[in-house]
């Protein structure tokens, strides 16, 4: 049964990642179209130089988000490891109904 549950979770995660990838590709295409429109519309406007800083800011925000995501995953991994450890120790503390200690 555990293998079936694990397989199902893995399939759902794979499907979720694929859906996210497709959504990101659509969003990137939309941003590219918007970039082209803005570039064409502002190419001759005074003050349009300030718009050239946008990619740098986006890159910096992306780096911050990536660092945050790594820290979040590390923290979640530590938390789950703690929970598993607690559950394993609780499992060892359970005494069977016949009074003998569990040797798991």
C-alpha atoms as a PDB file:
ATOM      1  CA  UNK A   1       0.000   0.000   0.000  1.00  0.00           C
ATOM      2  CA  UNK A   2       2.838   2.422   0.833  1.00  0.00           C
ATOM      3  CA  UNK A   3       4.287   2.045  -2.648  1.00  0.00           C
ATOM      4  CA  UNK A   4       0.909   2.898  -4.174  1.00  0.00           C
ATOM      5  CA  UNK A   5       0.588   6.024  -2.023  1.00  0.00           C
ATOM      6  CA  UNK A   6       4.160   7.095  -2.805  1.00  0.00           C
ATOM      7  CA  UNK A   7       3.653   6.457  -6.527  1.00  0.00           C
ATOM      8  CA  UNK A   8       0.447   8.504  -6.487  1.00  0.00           C
ATOM      9  CA  UNK A   9       2.126  11.390  -4.665  1.00  0.00           C
ATOM     10  CA  UNK A  10       5.039  11.307  -7.093  1.00  0.00           C
ATOM     11  CA  UNK A  11       2.671  11.378 -10.090  1.00  0.00           C
ATOM     12  CA  UNK A  12       0.737  14.306  -8.603  1.00  0.00           C
ATOM     13  CA  UNK A  13       3.969  16.207  -7.971  1.00  0.00           C
ATOM     14  CA  UNK A  14       5.138  15.580 -11.533  1.00  0.00           C
ATOM     15  CA  UNK A  15       1.794  16.750 -12.916  1.00  0.00           C
ATOM     16  CA  UNK A  16       1.902  19.825 -10.680  1.00  0.00           C
ATOM     17  CA  UNK A  17       5.391  20.735 -11.862  1.00  0.00           C
ATOM     18  CA  UNK A  18       4.381  20.275 -15.493  1.00  0.00           C
ATOM     19  CA  UNK A  19       1.313  22.481 -15.026  1.00  0.00           C
ATOM     20  CA  UNK A  20       3.482  25.120 -13.355  1.00  0.00           C
ATOM     21  CA  UNK A  21       5.995  24.947 -16.202  1.00  0.00           C
ATOM     22  CA  UNK A  22       3.233  25.464 -18.766  1.00  0.00           C
ATOM     23  CA  UNK A  23       1.770  28.392 -16.812  1.00  0.00           C
ATOM     24  CA  UNK A  24       5.213  29.977 -16.549  1.00  0.00           C
ATOM     25  CA  UNK A  25       5.817  29.562 -20.282  1.00  0.00           C
ATOM     26  CA  UNK A  26       2.505  31.277 -21.031  1.00  0.00           C
ATOM     27  CA  UNK A  27       3.333  34.074 -18.608  1.00  0.00           C
ATOM     28  CA  UNK A  28       6.813  34.526 -20.112  1.00  0.00           C
ATOM     29  CA  UNK A  29       5.273  34.784 -23.589  1.00  0.00           C
ATOM     30  CA  UNK A  30       2.818  37.412 -22.313  1.00  0.00           C
ATOM     31  CA  UNK A  31       5.626  39.393 -20.668  1.00  0.00           C
ATOM     32  CA  UNK A  32       7.636  39.236 -23.882  1.00  0.00           C
ATOM     33  CA  UNK A  33       4.683  40.576 -25.872  1.00  0.00           C
ATOM     34  CA  UNK A  34       4.187  43.364 -23.322  1.00  0.00           C
ATOM     35  CA  UNK A  35       7.927  44.154 -23.448  1.00  0.00           C
ATOM     36  CA  UNK A  36       7.779  44.498 -27.218  1.00  0.00           C
ATOM     37  CA  UNK A  37       4.745  46.789 -27.021  1.00  0.00           C
ATOM     38  CA  UNK A  38       6.373  48.995 -24.366  1.00  0.00           C
ATOM     39  CA  UNK A  39       9.678  49.039 -26.231  1.00  0.00           C
ATOM     40  CA  UNK A  40       8.026  50.130 -29.461  1.00  0.00           C
ATOM     41  CA  UNK A  41       5.810  52.708 -27.745  1.00  0.00           C
ATOM     42  CA  UNK A  42       8.543  54.291 -25.637  1.00  0.00           C
ATOM     43  CA  UNK A  43      11.549  54.118 -27.927  1.00  0.00           C
ATOM     44  CA  UNK A  44      11.223  57.799 -28.829  1.00  0.00           C
ATOM     45  CA  UNK A  45       9.801  59.132 -25.566  1.00  0.00           C
ATOM     46  CA  UNK A  46      11.926  61.277 -23.266  1.00  0.00           C
ATOM     47  CA  UNK A  47      12.748  59.522 -19.981  1.00  0.00           C
ATOM     48  CA  UNK A  48      12.457  56.060 -21.496  1.00  0.00           C
ATOM     49  CA  UNK A  49      16.013  55.324 -20.332  1.00  0.00           C
ATOM     50  CA  UNK A  50      14.627  54.592 -16.848  1.00  0.00           C
ATOM     51  CA  UNK A  51      12.793  51.587 -18.239  1.00  0.00           C
ATOM     52  CA  UNK A  52      16.125  49.976 -19.073  1.00  0.00           C
ATOM     53  CA  UNK A  53      16.685  49.317 -15.343  1.00  0.00           C
ATOM     54  CA  UNK A  54      13.685  47.008 -15.165  1.00  0.00           C
ATOM     55  CA  UNK A  55      15.610  43.850 -16.195  1.00  0.00           C
ATOM     56  CA  UNK A  56      18.206  44.495 -13.474  1.00  0.00           C
ATOM     57  CA  UNK A  57      15.536  44.897 -10.814  1.00  0.00           C
ATOM     58  CA  UNK A  58      13.719  41.798 -12.027  1.00  0.00           C
ATOM     59  CA  UNK A  59      16.982  39.851 -11.919  1.00  0.00           C
ATOM     60  CA  UNK A  60      17.636  40.983  -8.352  1.00  0.00           C
ATOM     61  CA  UNK A  61      14.119  40.061  -7.270  1.00  0.00           C
ATOM     62  CA  UNK A  62      14.524  36.681  -8.955  1.00  0.00           C
ATOM     63  CA  UNK A  63      17.739  36.051  -7.022  1.00  0.00           C
ATOM     64  CA  UNK A  64      16.007  36.977  -3.752  1.00  0.00           C
ATOM     65  CA  UNK A  65      13.108  34.661  -4.592  1.00  0.00           C
ATOM     66  CA  UNK A  66      15.461  31.803  -5.460  1.00  0.00           C
ATOM     67  CA  UNK A  67      17.359  32.211  -2.203  1.00  0.00           C
ATOM     68  CA  UNK A  68      14.078  32.321  -0.288  1.00  0.00           C
ATOM     69  CA  UNK A  69      12.798  29.176  -2.035  1.00  0.00           C
ATOM     70  CA  UNK A  70      15.960  27.250  -1.143  1.00  0.00           C
ATOM     71  CA  UNK A  71      15.718  28.363   2.500  1.00  0.00           C
ATOM     72  CA  UNK A  72      12.026  27.452   2.569  1.00  0.00           C
ATOM     73  CA  UNK A  73      12.692  23.968   1.226  1.00  0.00           C
ATOM     74  CA  UNK A  74      15.538  23.447   3.708  1.00  0.00           C
ATOM     75  CA  UNK A  75      13.328  24.578   6.584  1.00  0.00           C
ATOM     76  CA  UNK A  76      10.449  22.344   5.475  1.00  0.00           C
ATOM     77  CA  UNK A  77      12.822  19.397   5.116  1.00  0.00           C
ATOM     78  CA  UNK A  78      14.148  19.960   8.643  1.00  0.00           C
ATOM     79  CA  UNK A  79      10.588  20.211   9.989  1.00  0.00           C
ATOM     80  CA  UNK A  80       9.450  16.993   8.310  1.00  0.00           C
ATOM     81  CA  UNK A  81      12.600  15.211   9.504  1.00  0.00           C
ATOM     82  CA  UNK A  82      11.762  16.317  13.048  1.00  0.00           C
ATOM     83  CA  UNK A  83       8.184  15.084  12.710  1.00  0.00           C
ATOM     84  CA  UNK A  84       9.291  11.714  11.340  1.00  0.00           C
ATOM     85  CA  UNK A  85      11.752  11.357  14.205  1.00  0.00           C
ATOM     86  CA  UNK A  86       9.048  12.163  16.743  1.00  0.00           C
ATOM     87  CA  UNK A  87       6.620   9.721  15.140  1.00  0.00           C
ATOM     88  CA  UNK A  88       9.258   6.975  15.068  1.00  0.00           C
ATOM     89  CA  UNK A  89      10.044   7.508  18.754  1.00  0.00           C
ATOM     90  CA  UNK A  90       6.315   7.491  19.582  1.00  0.00           C
ATOM     91  CA  UNK A  91       5.954   4.243  17.672  1.00  0.00           C
ATOM     92  CA  UNK A  92       8.715   2.676  19.804  1.00  0.00           C
ATOM     93  CA  UNK A  93       6.999   3.863  23.004  1.00  0.00           C
ATOM     94  CA  UNK A  94       3.731   2.084  22.190  1.00  0.00           C
ATOM     95  CA  UNK A  95       3.266  -1.085  24.206  1.00  0.00           C
ATOM     96  CA  UNK A  96       1.259  -3.862  22.539  1.00  0.00           C
ATOM     97  CA  UNK A  97      -1.951  -5.080  24.226  1.00  0.00           C
ATOM     98  CA  UNK A  98      -0.261  -8.289  25.390  1.00  0.00           C
ATOM     99  CA  UNK A  99       2.142  -6.258  27.564  1.00  0.00           C
ATOM    100  CA  UNK A 100       5.326  -7.058  25.655  1.00  0.00           C
ATOM    101  CA  UNK A 101       7.497  -4.167  24.499  1.00  0.00           C
ATOM    102  CA  UNK A 102       7.681  -3.431  20.802  1.00  0.00           C
ATOM    103  CA  UNK A 103      11.189  -4.058  19.435  1.00  0.00           C
ATOM    104  CA  UNK A 104      10.786  -2.038  16.216  1.00  0.00           C
END
